[in-house]
Amino acid sequence: MSTHASIAQASLRLLETPEAAGIERMSTSELRRHFLLEDLFQPGELNLVYTNLDRLIVGGAAPASSISLSGFPELGTEYFTERRELGILNIGGECPVTAGGTRYTLGRLDCLYVGRGEREIVFEPPASGEAALYLASAPAHCRHRTAFLRREEAEVVELGEACHANRRRIIRYIGPGRIESCQLVMGFTEVLEGSVWNTMPPHTHSRRSEIYLYFDMPDGLALHVMGAPEATRHLIVRDRQAVLSPWWSLHMGAGTGPYKFLWAMAGENQEFGDVDPVDFRALM
């Protein structure tokens, strides 16, 4: 294995998301600063963001040499997964990851779950192509085994209707009946050709938080609608940018062309269908 890179290549920043009433008078730049993560994937770096949304941490790793995921003072633990679980989904080229002494080679759209208590986690650069590993982590009250799932092994569900421009394919990796976890639920959604909406009707999650990472739209963008249903706001989101969705905020988006979005959730339960639908005719 390559020599571990300096911890200087890994960073963790804190981001506090305001409550619903706090966004009513925000400017566009203020909304983007509080809810949009624009620069997760930087060559040679591991960038993490610690949110106040169910204490979810998300980030991007693009190793040019080996980078260790170590502890941070903000976590109050000796190492990262001492009291956390971690999901890793590869949206770039084939990339090796070592967890608990086992080396896994993640192909594009493969997923690795790292359970609580795995002291050693190392990201290595790909032999060729671009490194882009998306990370999502939640607090864990017990240990589940580390598990690896390839894209073709994931659960796939198709939803929506062409007449409503919301046909989409949902690929599930971490959660009940798949890779078992404490509270982290993770996967991605692919909006099918001819459709634009990534969910319809829109919804909120009153019992958990969710984070979207839009990807595979290098020349396009998405219009992400957020905020309280009676006082909506929007964000313009570009490729590989992530949007924070607190429990009170609806979330739906439309793209200018084909795209995918990676979702990660944590909170009171792990039921994918536990949503609070919002009648789109009542949106304001």
Foldseek 3Di string as FASTA:
>chain_A
DFDADDCVQEDEEEAEADDQVVCQPDDQVRQCRRWKFAPQDDAQHWYWYQYPFLRKIKGKDWHPAKHKQADDVVVVDGGDQQFKKKKKFWQWAWWWKDWLNDIDTAGHGKMKIHWRPTRTIMTGHDPDTTGIIMMMMHGAPDTAHIDIGHQVRWDWDWDDDLVQLATKIWTWAEFPPHRDGRFKTKTKMWRDFNHWKPDPPWWAALFKWKKKFKAPCQPKWKWKWKGAQARIDTHIGHHGMMTTHHRRMIIMMTMPGTIMMMMMMGGDHRDPPRTGGDHNVSGD
